[in-house]
Amino acid sequence: MSYSLMQKIFDACLAQGHSVVSFDFPFFERGEEHSSGPELTEEIGVLKDVLDKCHAEKYKSIRLIGKSLGGIIGAKFLEGLSGNDQKKFTIIFFGYVVGSINLKNFQSKIVVVQGEKDRFGNIDSVKKDLESALSRDIIYFEVPNADHSFRNDQKEPVYEETAIKFFK
């Protein structure tokens, strides 16, 4: 994994004293540009495998943190859990993709960190998209002037640290 936004988030979580695991999805590791398809079967399977290897059942609280597609995969994984099994999870999105996420039956905490200039939807679009969510524990953070990857207009990642500070 390159020293990316997700690596910085990993480091921040570790510095906070959390147990942390991070991984890339198989299509990315294979050098492919596309996921396994709209159902994301392979990616959700990998997430389940990682949680099994970490003995997730022993933890009282788990934060799934995803950037863009990682958030979509986390949400699809949570869709497949019973309401009772969902309760231990918080999902944190860095770059929510409006129209691609279904959390209407998710009961636990949702955190969204969104760039003001995100091409997949600004914070108001995200709020509208989550109006039907069962959860009432939703926190929204907007990073001014940032795009979907928390970069400025010159594509420099100058807003990554600002984005990370929101969820600390």
Protein backbone atom coordinates (compact mmCIF):
# COMPACT_ATOMS: atom_id res chain seq x y z
CA MET A 1 0.00 0.00 0.00
CA SER A 2 1.40 3.40 -0.94
CA TYR A 3 1.52 6.18 1.64
CA SER A 4 -1.95 7.34 0.80
CA LEU A 5 -4.82 8.97 2.60
CA MET A 6 -5.82 5.56 3.94
CA GLN A 7 -2.30 4.99 5.30
CA LYS A 8 -2.47 8.36 7.04
CA ILE A 9 -5.85 7.42 8.53
CA PHE A 10 -4.38 4.08 9.64
CA ASP A 11 -1.50 5.90 11.35
CA ALA A 12 -3.88 8.35 13.05
CA CYS A 13 -6.03 5.49 14.40
CA LEU A 14 -2.95 3.66 15.66
CA ALA A 15 -1.71 6.84 17.37
CA GLN A 16 -5.08 7.06 19.13
CA GLY A 17 -4.51 3.61 20.61
CA HIS A 18 -6.97 1.70 18.44
CA SER A 19 -6.44 -1.82 17.19
CA VAL A 20 -6.15 -1.29 13.44
CA VAL A 21 -6.01 -3.36 10.29
CA SER A 22 -5.77 -2.06 6.74
CA PHE A 23 -5.82 -3.85 3.41
CA ASP A 24 -6.20 -3.31 -0.30
CA PHE A 25 -8.80 -5.12 -2.36
CA PRO A 26 -7.65 -7.94 -4.69
CA PHE A 27 -8.43 -6.09 -7.93
CA PHE A 28 -6.17 -3.26 -6.78
CA GLU A 29 -3.40 -5.65 -5.79
CA ARG A 30 -3.67 -7.31 -9.21
CA GLY A 31 -3.17 -3.93 -10.87
CA GLU A 32 -6.71 -3.86 -12.25
CA GLU A 33 -8.71 -0.66 -12.41
CA HIS A 34 -12.15 -2.12 -11.77
CA SER A 35 -13.78 -3.97 -8.92
CA SER A 36 -15.32 -7.42 -9.23
CA GLY A 37 -18.62 -5.95 -10.40
CA PRO A 38 -21.69 -4.14 -9.08
CA GLU A 39 -22.33 -6.69 -6.33
CA LEU A 40 -18.72 -6.35 -5.09
CA THR A 41 -18.78 -10.02 -4.11
CA GLU A 42 -15.00 -10.50 -4.04
CA GLU A 43 -14.39 -7.30 -2.07
CA ILE A 44 -17.07 -8.02 0.53
CA GLY A 45 -15.67 -11.54 0.87
CA VAL A 46 -12.21 -10.13 1.58
CA LEU A 47 -13.64 -7.73 4.18
CA LYS A 48 -15.41 -10.66 5.88
CA ASP A 49 -12.18 -12.69 5.81
CA VAL A 50 -10.20 -9.85 7.38
CA LEU A 51 -12.81 -9.40 10.12
CA ASP A 52 -12.75 -13.16 10.77
CA LYS A 53 -8.94 -13.21 11.00
CA CYS A 54 -9.08 -10.31 13.46
CA HIS A 55 -11.71 -12.11 15.57
CA ALA A 56 -14.15 -9.23 15.14
CA GLU A 57 -16.73 -11.10 17.19
CA LYS A 58 -14.60 -10.38 20.30
CA TYR A 59 -14.71 -6.61 19.86
CA LYS A 60 -17.44 -4.39 21.29
CA SER A 61 -16.88 -1.61 18.79
CA ILE A 62 -15.59 -1.65 15.21
CA ARG A 63 -15.11 1.32 12.91
CA LEU A 64 -15.16 0.57 9.20
CA ILE A 65 -13.35 3.41 7.48
CA GLY A 66 -13.47 3.64 3.72
CA LYS A 67 -12.46 6.05 1.01
CA SER A 68 -14.93 6.16 -1.88
CA LEU A 69 -15.29 2.55 -3.09
CA GLY A 70 -14.07 1.31 0.30
CA GLY A 71 -17.04 3.06 1.90
CA ILE A 72 -19.43 1.54 -0.64
CA ILE A 73 -18.03 -1.92 0.13
CA GLY A 74 -18.32 -1.32 3.88
CA ALA A 75 -21.94 -0.24 3.47
CA LYS A 76 -22.77 -3.29 1.33
CA PHE A 77 -21.18 -5.52 3.97
CA LEU A 78 -23.28 -3.89 6.70
CA GLU A 79 -26.45 -4.34 4.60
CA GLY A 80 -25.94 -8.09 4.92
CA LEU A 81 -25.84 -8.07 8.72
CA SER A 82 -28.79 -8.36 11.06
CA GLY A 83 -29.76 -5.24 12.99
CA ASN A 84 -28.31 -6.73 16.15
CA ASP A 85 -24.98 -7.54 14.46
CA GLN A 86 -24.79 -4.01 13.04
CA LYS A 87 -24.84 -2.35 16.46
CA LYS A 88 -21.10 -2.74 17.10
CA PHE A 89 -20.18 -1.02 13.83
CA THR A 90 -19.59 2.61 12.96
CA ILE A 91 -19.03 3.41 9.31
CA ILE A 92 -16.86 6.36 8.36
CA PHE A 93 -16.82 7.61 4.78
CA PHE A 94 -14.03 9.67 3.32
CA GLY A 95 -15.61 10.73 0.05
CA TYR A 96 -19.20 9.46 0.11
CA VAL A 97 -20.52 8.55 -3.35
CA VAL A 98 -24.11 9.84 -3.57
CA GLY A 99 -26.53 7.32 -5.05
CA SER A 100 -24.19 4.34 -4.56
CA ILE A 101 -24.77 3.63 -0.87
CA ASN A 102 -27.76 2.07 0.85
CA LEU A 103 -27.83 2.56 4.60
CA LYS A 104 -31.57 2.89 5.06
CA ASN A 105 -31.62 -0.13 7.44
CA PHE A 106 -28.33 0.59 9.21
CA GLN A 107 -28.92 1.36 12.89
CA SER A 108 -25.55 2.53 14.14
CA LYS A 109 -23.29 5.55 13.79
CA ILE A 110 -22.44 7.06 10.39
CA VAL A 111 -19.71 9.65 9.86
CA VAL A 112 -19.17 11.40 6.53
CA VAL A 113 -16.12 13.51 5.67
CA GLN A 114 -16.84 15.14 2.32
CA GLY A 115 -14.96 17.59 0.14
CA GLU A 116 -16.92 20.72 -0.69
CA LYS A 117 -16.09 20.24 -4.38
CA ASP A 118 -16.56 16.45 -4.45
CA ARG A 119 -17.69 15.45 -7.96
CA PHE A 120 -19.80 12.65 -6.44
CA GLY A 121 -21.83 15.08 -4.34
CA ASN A 122 -21.37 17.90 -1.88
CA ILE A 123 -22.39 17.67 1.77
CA ASP A 124 -25.97 18.78 1.04
CA SER A 125 -26.34 16.00 -1.53
CA VAL A 126 -24.99 13.50 0.99
CA LYS A 127 -27.47 14.67 3.64
CA LYS A 128 -30.32 14.28 1.17
CA ASP A 129 -29.06 10.80 0.22
CA LEU A 130 -29.04 9.76 3.90
CA GLU A 131 -32.46 11.20 4.78
CA SER A 132 -34.00 7.73 4.66
CA ALA A 133 -31.30 6.14 6.85
CA LEU A 134 -32.62 4.41 9.95
CA SER A 135 -29.70 5.75 11.98
CA ARG A 136 -30.23 9.08 13.66
CA ASP A 137 -26.58 9.14 14.74
CA ILE A 138 -25.08 10.75 11.63
CA ILE A 139 -22.27 13.27 11.71
CA TYR A 140 -21.27 15.30 8.66
CA PHE A 141 -18.00 17.14 8.07
CA GLU A 142 -17.30 19.24 5.02
CA VAL A 143 -13.74 20.06 3.98
CA PRO A 144 -13.83 23.49 2.28
CA ASN A 145 -12.38 23.70 -1.24
CA ALA A 146 -11.49 19.98 -1.30
CA ASP A 147 -12.35 17.55 -4.08
CA HIS A 148 -13.27 13.85 -3.72
CA SER A 149 -9.68 12.97 -2.79
CA PHE A 150 -9.23 16.01 -0.51
CA ARG A 151 -7.07 17.80 -3.05
CA ASN A 152 -7.04 21.40 -4.22
CA ASP A 153 -7.68 22.60 -7.78
CA GLN A 154 -4.08 21.74 -8.71
CA LYS A 155 -4.69 18.12 -7.57
CA GLU A 156 -2.36 18.46 -4.57
CA PRO A 157 -3.51 16.53 -1.48
CA VAL A 158 -3.37 19.62 0.75
CA TYR A 159 -6.67 18.90 2.54
CA GLU A 160 -5.96 15.32 3.66
CA GLU A 161 -4.79 16.33 7.14
CA THR A 162 -7.87 18.54 7.56
CA ALA A 163 -10.10 15.61 6.59
CA ILE A 164 -8.36 13.26 9.03
CA LYS A 165 -8.66 15.73 11.93
CA PHE A 166 -12.45 15.64 11.66
CA PHE A 167 -12.79 12.07 12.84
CA LYS A 168 -10.11 12.05 15.55
